[in-house]
Amino acid sequence: MQISYNPNVPAPAVLNEIKYYMACSVLKKFDEAGKISHENLRRANVAIAEQYGVLPYRV
């Protein structure tokens, strides 16, 4: 994938990575608070990564 450089507008791939990171952070907080099981956290993490077209983080 070719990512063009424009300092005024972030590339779509960068925006998708940021959005995924934010969603992953929320899922981790849910896991720490006991609101989601670790298995559901893992599944949601993979599904969100696929939605944004990025590689999933290891949780």
C-alpha atoms as a PDB file:
ATOM      1  CA  MET A   1       0.000   0.000   0.000  1.00  0.00           C
ATOM      2  CA  GLN A   2       1.396   3.377  -0.990  1.00  0.00           C
ATOM      3  CA  ILE A   3       0.908   6.052   1.672  1.00  0.00           C
ATOM      4  CA  SER A   4       1.236   9.568   0.357  1.00  0.00           C
ATOM      5  CA  TYR A   5       2.766  12.252   2.510  1.00  0.00           C
ATOM      6  CA  ASN A   6       0.872  15.475   3.088  1.00  0.00           C
ATOM      7  CA  PRO A   7       1.624  17.230   6.385  1.00  0.00           C
ATOM      8  CA  ASN A   8      -1.778  18.944   6.384  1.00  0.00           C
ATOM      9  CA  VAL A   9      -3.908  15.819   5.875  1.00  0.00           C
ATOM     10  CA  PRO A  10      -3.125  12.474   7.528  1.00  0.00           C
ATOM     11  CA  ALA A  11      -3.249   9.406   5.318  1.00  0.00           C
ATOM     12  CA  PRO A  12      -6.376   7.218   5.605  1.00  0.00           C
ATOM     13  CA  ALA A  13      -4.229   4.297   6.805  1.00  0.00           C
ATOM     14  CA  VAL A  14      -2.920   6.415   9.671  1.00  0.00           C
ATOM     15  CA  LEU A  15      -6.439   7.518  10.615  1.00  0.00           C
ATOM     16  CA  ASN A  16      -7.632   3.902  10.600  1.00  0.00           C
ATOM     17  CA  GLU A  17      -4.738   2.896  12.861  1.00  0.00           C
ATOM     18  CA  ILE A  18      -5.617   5.691  15.309  1.00  0.00           C
ATOM     19  CA  LYS A  19      -9.299   4.732  15.324  1.00  0.00           C
ATOM     20  CA  TYR A  20      -8.399   1.092  15.937  1.00  0.00           C
ATOM     21  CA  TYR A  21      -6.076   2.046  18.793  1.00  0.00           C
ATOM     22  CA  MET A  22      -8.821   4.070  20.461  1.00  0.00           C
ATOM     23  CA  ALA A  23     -11.322   1.208  20.160  1.00  0.00           C
ATOM     24  CA  CYS A  24      -8.741  -1.269  21.478  1.00  0.00           C
ATOM     25  CA  SER A  25      -8.059   0.982  24.465  1.00  0.00           C
ATOM     26  CA  VAL A  26     -11.760   1.045  25.353  1.00  0.00           C
ATOM     27  CA  LEU A  27     -11.955  -2.745  25.104  1.00  0.00           C
ATOM     28  CA  LYS A  28      -8.963  -3.115  27.433  1.00  0.00           C
ATOM     29  CA  LYS A  29     -10.617  -0.824  29.985  1.00  0.00           C
ATOM     30  CA  PHE A  30     -13.790  -2.918  29.779  1.00  0.00           C
ATOM     31  CA  ASP A  31     -11.687  -6.031  30.388  1.00  0.00           C
ATOM     32  CA  GLU A  32      -9.952  -4.465  33.393  1.00  0.00           C
ATOM     33  CA  ALA A  33     -13.326  -3.431  34.842  1.00  0.00           C
ATOM     34  CA  GLY A  34     -14.699  -6.956  34.343  1.00  0.00           C
ATOM     35  CA  LYS A  35     -17.384  -5.831  31.896  1.00  0.00           C
ATOM     36  CA  ILE A  36     -16.185  -8.128  29.104  1.00  0.00           C
ATOM     37  CA  SER A  37     -14.592 -11.566  29.168  1.00  0.00           C
ATOM     38  CA  HIS A  38     -11.083 -12.003  27.820  1.00  0.00           C
ATOM     39  CA  GLU A  39     -12.358 -14.282  25.051  1.00  0.00           C
ATOM     40  CA  ASN A  40     -14.902 -11.685  23.906  1.00  0.00           C
ATOM     41  CA  LEU A  41     -12.188  -9.034  24.126  1.00  0.00           C
ATOM     42  CA  ARG A  42      -9.994 -11.072  21.797  1.00  0.00           C
ATOM     43  CA  ARG A  43     -12.817 -11.667  19.326  1.00  0.00           C
ATOM     44  CA  ALA A  44     -13.882  -8.012  19.318  1.00  0.00           C
ATOM     45  CA  ASN A  45     -10.274  -6.930  18.904  1.00  0.00           C
ATOM     46  CA  VAL A  46      -9.868  -9.047  15.764  1.00  0.00           C
ATOM     47  CA  ALA A  47     -13.233  -7.939  14.345  1.00  0.00           C
ATOM     48  CA  ILE A  48     -12.438  -4.254  14.829  1.00  0.00           C
ATOM     49  CA  ALA A  49      -8.985  -4.691  13.296  1.00  0.00           C
ATOM     50  CA  GLU A  50     -10.570  -6.312  10.240  1.00  0.00           C
ATOM     51  CA  GLN A  51     -13.111  -3.499  10.006  1.00  0.00           C
ATOM     52  CA  TYR A  52     -10.370  -0.869   9.895  1.00  0.00           C
ATOM     53  CA  GLY A  53      -8.027  -2.941   7.721  1.00  0.00           C
ATOM     54  CA  VAL A  54      -5.140  -3.018  10.219  1.00  0.00           C
ATOM     55  CA  LEU A  55      -3.225  -5.770  11.991  1.00  0.00           C
ATOM     56  CA  PRO A  56      -4.681  -6.641  15.411  1.00  0.00           C
ATOM     57  CA  TYR A  57      -2.723  -5.996  18.580  1.00  0.00           C
ATOM     58  CA  ARG A  58      -1.956  -8.913  20.845  1.00  0.00           C
ATOM     59  CA  VAL A  59      -4.173  -8.689  23.939  1.00  0.00           C
END
